[in-house]
Amino acid sequence: MSLIGHLFWIVLGGILISIEEASAEISSMRTHHSYERNAKHFHQSLYSPPNISYSYLSL
């Protein structure tokens, strides 16, 4: 295998790993955001009972 081909695979592997890490970070941020949103709905429903069904729909 030539040196250029070897370097190409190293770079490609690095790019794939960084993409994977970035997408994992984005998805963890999304789930964290949805947890916060659901918690907010849940707190609202505690104070006003008619909102309980709405908070379940938003889950």
PDB file of N, CA and C in Angstrom:
ATOM      1  N   MET A   1       0.844  -1.193   0.000  1.00  0.00           N
ATOM      2  CA  MET A   1       0.000   0.000   0.000  1.00  0.00           C
ATOM      3  C   MET A   1       0.887   1.254   0.000  1.00  0.00           C
ATOM      4  N   SER A   2       0.545   2.186  -0.860  1.00  0.00           N
ATOM      5  CA  SER A   2       1.354   3.402  -0.942  1.00  0.00           C
ATOM      6  C   SER A   2       1.116   4.304   0.271  1.00  0.00           C
ATOM      7  N   LEU A   3       2.048   5.204   0.478  1.00  0.00           N
ATOM      8  CA  LEU A   3       1.970   6.128   1.610  1.00  0.00           C
ATOM      9  C   LEU A   3       0.748   7.026   1.485  1.00  0.00           C
ATOM     10  N   ILE A   4       0.464   7.486   0.276  1.00  0.00           N
ATOM     11  CA  ILE A   4      -0.686   8.373   0.043  1.00  0.00           C
ATOM     12  C   ILE A   4      -1.993   7.641   0.360  1.00  0.00           C
ATOM     13  N   GLY A   5      -2.104   6.390  -0.073  1.00  0.00           N
ATOM     14  CA  GLY A   5      -3.297   5.595   0.211  1.00  0.00           C
ATOM     15  C   GLY A   5      -3.482   5.384   1.706  1.00  0.00           C
ATOM     16  N   HIS A   6      -2.366   5.157   2.393  1.00  0.00           N
ATOM     17  CA  HIS A   6      -2.408   4.956   3.839  1.00  0.00           C
ATOM     18  C   HIS A   6      -2.897   6.229   4.538  1.00  0.00           C
ATOM     19  N   LEU A   7      -2.332   7.367   4.134  1.00  0.00           N
ATOM     20  CA  LEU A   7      -2.741   8.657   4.709  1.00  0.00           C
ATOM     21  C   LEU A   7      -4.217   8.937   4.423  1.00  0.00           C
ATOM     22  N   PHE A   8      -4.662   8.575   3.221  1.00  0.00           N
ATOM     23  CA  PHE A   8      -6.061   8.791   2.847  1.00  0.00           C
ATOM     24  C   PHE A   8      -6.996   8.060   3.802  1.00  0.00           C
ATOM     25  N   TRP A   9      -6.681   6.800   4.115  1.00  0.00           N
ATOM     26  CA  TRP A   9      -7.542   6.022   5.015  1.00  0.00           C
ATOM     27  C   TRP A   9      -7.508   6.567   6.441  1.00  0.00           C
ATOM     28  N   ILE A  10      -6.333   7.070   6.869  1.00  0.00           N
ATOM     29  CA  ILE A  10      -6.223   7.662   8.208  1.00  0.00           C
ATOM     30  C   ILE A  10      -7.111   8.905   8.292  1.00  0.00           C
ATOM     31  N   VAL A  11      -7.029   9.753   7.265  1.00  0.00           N
ATOM     32  CA  VAL A  11      -7.833  10.985   7.240  1.00  0.00           C
ATOM     33  C   VAL A  11      -9.320  10.644   7.178  1.00  0.00           C
ATOM     34  N   LEU A  12      -9.676   9.685   6.317  1.00  0.00           N
ATOM     35  CA  LEU A  12     -11.076   9.283   6.185  1.00  0.00           C
ATOM     36  C   LEU A  12     -11.613   8.748   7.518  1.00  0.00           C
ATOM     37  N   GLY A  13     -10.830   7.920   8.176  1.00  0.00           N
ATOM     38  CA  GLY A  13     -11.230   7.388   9.472  1.00  0.00           C
ATOM     39  C   GLY A  13     -11.435   8.499  10.504  1.00  0.00           C
ATOM     40  N   GLY A  14     -10.532   9.480  10.506  1.00  0.00           N
ATOM     41  CA  GLY A  14     -10.643  10.612  11.418  1.00  0.00           C
ATOM     42  C   GLY A  14     -11.905  11.419  11.162  1.00  0.00           C
ATOM     43  N   ILE A  15     -12.226  11.629   9.881  1.00  0.00           N
ATOM     44  CA  ILE A  15     -13.434  12.378   9.523  1.00  0.00           C
ATOM     45  C   ILE A  15     -14.674  11.628   9.992  1.00  0.00           C
ATOM     46  N   LEU A  16     -14.713  10.313   9.741  1.00  0.00           N
ATOM     47  CA  LEU A  16     -15.875   9.519  10.148  1.00  0.00           C
ATOM     48  C   LEU A  16     -16.064   9.537  11.665  1.00  0.00           C
ATOM     49  N   ILE A  17     -14.966   9.433  12.401  1.00  0.00           N
ATOM     50  CA  ILE A  17     -15.046   9.447  13.864  1.00  0.00           C
ATOM     51  C   ILE A  17     -15.571  10.795  14.354  1.00  0.00           C
ATOM     52  N   SER A  18     -15.073  11.887  13.767  1.00  0.00           N
ATOM     53  CA  SER A  18     -15.510  13.218  14.212  1.00  0.00           C
ATOM     54  C   SER A  18     -16.977  13.449  13.871  1.00  0.00           C
ATOM     55  N   ILE A  19     -17.443  12.919  12.718  1.00  0.00           N
ATOM     56  CA  ILE A  19     -18.856  13.039  12.351  1.00  0.00           C
ATOM     57  C   ILE A  19     -19.709  12.273  13.347  1.00  0.00           C
ATOM     58  N   GLU A  20     -19.264  11.067  13.705  1.00  0.00           N
ATOM     59  CA  GLU A  20     -19.992  10.235  14.669  1.00  0.00           C
ATOM     60  C   GLU A  20     -20.113  10.944  16.018  1.00  0.00           C
ATOM     61  N   GLU A  21     -19.001  11.525  16.481  1.00  0.00           N
ATOM     62  CA  GLU A  21     -18.996  12.223  17.761  1.00  0.00           C
ATOM     63  C   GLU A  21     -19.918  13.428  17.725  1.00  0.00           C
ATOM     64  N   ALA A  22     -19.876  14.169  16.622  1.00  0.00           N
ATOM     65  CA  ALA A  22     -20.714  15.361  16.489  1.00  0.00           C
ATOM     66  C   ALA A  22     -22.195  14.979  16.498  1.00  0.00           C
ATOM     67  N   SER A  23     -22.566  13.913  15.777  1.00  0.00           N
ATOM     68  CA  SER A  23     -23.972  13.503  15.718  1.00  0.00           C
ATOM     69  C   SER A  23     -24.432  12.984  17.081  1.00  0.00           C
ATOM     70  N   ALA A  24     -23.546  12.304  17.811  1.00  0.00           N
ATOM     71  CA  ALA A  24     -23.890  11.832  19.146  1.00  0.00           C
ATOM     72  C   ALA A  24     -24.118  13.014  20.079  1.00  0.00           C
ATOM     73  N   GLU A  25     -23.275  14.048  19.932  1.00  0.00           N
ATOM     74  CA  GLU A  25     -23.412  15.244  20.757  1.00  0.00           C
ATOM     75  C   GLU A  25     -24.735  15.938  20.462  1.00  0.00           C
ATOM     76  N   ILE A  26     -25.088  16.046  19.164  1.00  0.00           N
ATOM     77  CA  ILE A  26     -26.329  16.691  18.759  1.00  0.00           C
ATOM     78  C   ILE A  26     -27.529  15.921  19.308  1.00  0.00           C
ATOM     79  N   SER A  27     -27.503  14.595  19.187  1.00  0.00           N
ATOM     80  CA  SER A  27     -28.646  13.802  19.653  1.00  0.00           C
ATOM     81  C   SER A  27     -28.774  13.879  21.171  1.00  0.00           C
ATOM     82  N   SER A  28     -27.648  13.929  21.899  1.00  0.00           N
ATOM     83  CA  SER A  28     -27.732  14.047  23.360  1.00  0.00           C
ATOM     84  C   SER A  28     -28.276  15.415  23.744  1.00  0.00           C
ATOM     85  N   MET A  29     -27.920  16.460  22.969  1.00  0.00           N
ATOM     86  CA  MET A  29     -28.463  17.787  23.230  1.00  0.00           C
ATOM     87  C   MET A  29     -29.964  17.793  22.980  1.00  0.00           C
ATOM     88  N   ARG A  30     -30.390  17.111  21.910  1.00  0.00           N
ATOM     89  CA  ARG A  30     -31.810  17.050  21.590  1.00  0.00           C
ATOM     90  C   ARG A  30     -32.598  16.360  22.695  1.00  0.00           C
ATOM     91  N   THR A  31     -32.107  15.233  23.175  1.00  0.00           N
ATOM     92  CA  THR A  31     -32.829  14.505  24.220  1.00  0.00           C
ATOM     93  C   THR A  31     -32.856  15.335  25.496  1.00  0.00           C
ATOM     94  N   HIS A  32     -31.770  16.030  25.788  1.00  0.00           N
ATOM     95  CA  HIS A  32     -31.729  16.878  26.980  1.00  0.00           C
ATOM     96  C   HIS A  32     -32.776  17.986  26.859  1.00  0.00           C
ATOM     97  N   HIS A  33     -32.874  18.560  25.657  1.00  0.00           N
ATOM     98  CA  HIS A  33     -33.841  19.631  25.428  1.00  0.00           C
ATOM     99  C   HIS A  33     -35.268  19.108  25.587  1.00  0.00           C
ATOM    100  N   SER A  34     -35.542  17.926  25.052  1.00  0.00           N
ATOM    101  CA  SER A  34     -36.898  17.377  25.151  1.00  0.00           C
ATOM    102  C   SER A  34     -37.231  17.014  26.592  1.00  0.00           C
ATOM    103  N   TYR A  35     -36.226  16.561  27.358  1.00  0.00           N
ATOM    104  CA  TYR A  35     -36.455  16.290  28.781  1.00  0.00           C
ATOM    105  C   TYR A  35     -36.858  17.573  29.499  1.00  0.00           C
ATOM    106  N   GLU A  36     -36.151  18.671  29.204  1.00  0.00           N
ATOM    107  CA  GLU A  36     -36.469  19.952  29.823  1.00  0.00           C
ATOM    108  C   GLU A  36     -37.879  20.396  29.451  1.00  0.00           C
ATOM    109  N   ARG A  37     -38.225  20.227  28.179  1.00  0.00           N
ATOM    110  CA  ARG A  37     -39.539  20.653  27.700  1.00  0.00           C
ATOM    111  C   ARG A  37     -40.644  19.836  28.378  1.00  0.00           C
ATOM    112  N   ASN A  38     -40.454  18.521  28.455  1.00  0.00           N
ATOM    113  CA  ASN A  38     -41.449  17.659  29.098  1.00  0.00           C
ATOM    114  C   ASN A  38     -41.574  17.970  30.580  1.00  0.00           C
ATOM    115  N   ALA A  39     -40.445  18.272  31.219  1.00  0.00           N
ATOM    116  CA  ALA A  39     -40.473  18.617  32.639  1.00  0.00           C
ATOM    117  C   ALA A  39     -41.263  19.906  32.841  1.00  0.00           C
ATOM    118  N   LYS A  40     -41.092  20.846  31.915  1.00  0.00           N
ATOM    119  CA  LYS A  40     -41.817  22.113  32.002  1.00  0.00           C
ATOM    120  C   LYS A  40     -43.315  21.871  31.893  1.00  0.00           C
ATOM    121  N   HIS A  41     -43.703  21.028  30.921  1.00  0.00           N
ATOM    122  CA  HIS A  41     -45.127  20.698  30.744  1.00  0.00           C
ATOM    123  C   HIS A  41     -45.669  20.003  31.988  1.00  0.00           C
ATOM    124  N   PHE A  42     -44.850  19.126  32.562  1.00  0.00           N
ATOM    125  CA  PHE A  42     -45.289  18.383  33.737  1.00  0.00           C
ATOM    126  C   PHE A  42     -45.523  19.333  34.910  1.00  0.00           C
ATOM    127  N   HIS A  43     -44.608  20.303  35.100  1.00  0.00           N
ATOM    128  CA  HIS A  43     -44.772  21.272  36.183  1.00  0.00           C
ATOM    129  C   HIS A  43     -46.018  22.129  35.956  1.00  0.00           C
ATOM    130  N   GLN A  44     -46.258  22.506  34.707  1.00  0.00           N
ATOM    131  CA  GLN A  44     -47.462  23.286  34.389  1.00  0.00           C
ATOM    132  C   GLN A  44     -48.709  22.477  34.707  1.00  0.00           C
ATOM    133  N   SER A  45     -48.674  21.178  34.386  1.00  0.00           N
ATOM    134  CA  SER A  45     -49.851  20.338  34.604  1.00  0.00           C
ATOM    135  C   SER A  45     -50.115  20.142  36.097  1.00  0.00           C
ATOM    136  N   LEU A  46     -49.063  20.223  36.918  1.00  0.00           N
ATOM    137  CA  LEU A  46     -49.265  20.100  38.363  1.00  0.00           C
ATOM    138  C   LEU A  46     -50.069  21.286  38.887  1.00  0.00           C
ATOM    139  N   TYR A  47     -49.828  22.455  38.301  1.00  0.00           N
ATOM    140  CA  TYR A  47     -50.514  23.659  38.768  1.00  0.00           C
ATOM    141  C   TYR A  47     -51.897  23.813  38.146  1.00  0.00           C
ATOM    142  N   SER A  48     -52.072  23.299  36.936  1.00  0.00           N
ATOM    143  CA  SER A  48     -53.390  23.404  36.297  1.00  0.00           C
ATOM    144  C   SER A  48     -53.797  22.045  35.733  1.00  0.00           C
ATOM    145  N   PRO A  49     -54.628  21.278  36.451  1.00  0.00           N
ATOM    146  CA  PRO A  49     -55.003  19.908  36.079  1.00  0.00           C
ATOM    147  C   PRO A  49     -55.466  19.711  34.625  1.00  0.00           C
ATOM    148  N   PRO A  50     -56.196  20.659  33.997  1.00  0.00           N
ATOM    149  CA  PRO A  50     -56.619  20.413  32.609  1.00  0.00           C
ATOM    150  C   PRO A  50     -55.462  20.217  31.626  1.00  0.00           C
ATOM    151  N   ASN A  51     -54.266  20.662  31.999  1.00  0.00           N
ATOM    152  CA  ASN A  51     -53.122  20.551  31.096  1.00  0.00           C
ATOM    153  C   ASN A  51     -52.468  19.173  31.124  1.00  0.00           C
ATOM    154  N   ILE A  52     -52.908  18.277  31.995  1.00  0.00           N
ATOM    155  CA  ILE A  52     -52.279  16.953  32.101  1.00  0.00           C
ATOM    156  C   ILE A  52     -52.367  16.204  30.767  1.00  0.00           C
ATOM    157  N   SER A  53     -53.536  16.213  30.153  1.00  0.00           N
ATOM    158  CA  SER A  53     -53.689  15.512  28.879  1.00  0.00           C
ATOM    159  C   SER A  53     -52.796  16.137  27.813  1.00  0.00           C
ATOM    160  N   TYR A  54     -52.642  17.458  27.838  1.00  0.00           N
ATOM    161  CA  TYR A  54     -51.788  18.137  26.870  1.00  0.00           C
ATOM    162  C   TYR A  54     -50.331  17.722  27.049  1.00  0.00           C
ATOM    163  N   SER A  55     -49.878  17.611  28.301  1.00  0.00           N
ATOM    164  CA  SER A  55     -48.485  17.233  28.541  1.00  0.00           C
ATOM    165  C   SER A  55     -48.241  15.787  28.092  1.00  0.00           C
ATOM    166  N   TYR A  56     -49.235  14.912  28.233  1.00  0.00           N
ATOM    167  CA  TYR A  56     -49.067  13.537  27.752  1.00  0.00           C
ATOM    168  C   TYR A  56     -49.014  13.502  26.231  1.00  0.00           C
ATOM    169  N   LEU A  57     -49.792  14.359  25.568  1.00  0.00           N
ATOM    170  CA  LEU A  57     -49.777  14.392  24.109  1.00  0.00           C
ATOM    171  C   LEU A  57     -48.422  14.859  23.590  1.00  0.00           C
ATOM    172  N   SER A  58     -47.777  15.748  24.329  1.00  0.00           N
ATOM    173  CA  SER A  58     -46.512  16.304  23.845  1.00  0.00           C
ATOM    174  C   SER A  58     -45.344  15.344  24.038  1.00  0.00           C
ATOM    175  N   LEU A  59     -45.527  14.241  24.763  1.00  0.00           N
ATOM    176  CA  LEU A  59     -44.420  13.328  25.029  1.00  0.00           C
ATOM    177  C   LEU A  59     -43.915  12.642  23.789  1.00  0.00           C
TER     178      LEU A  59
END
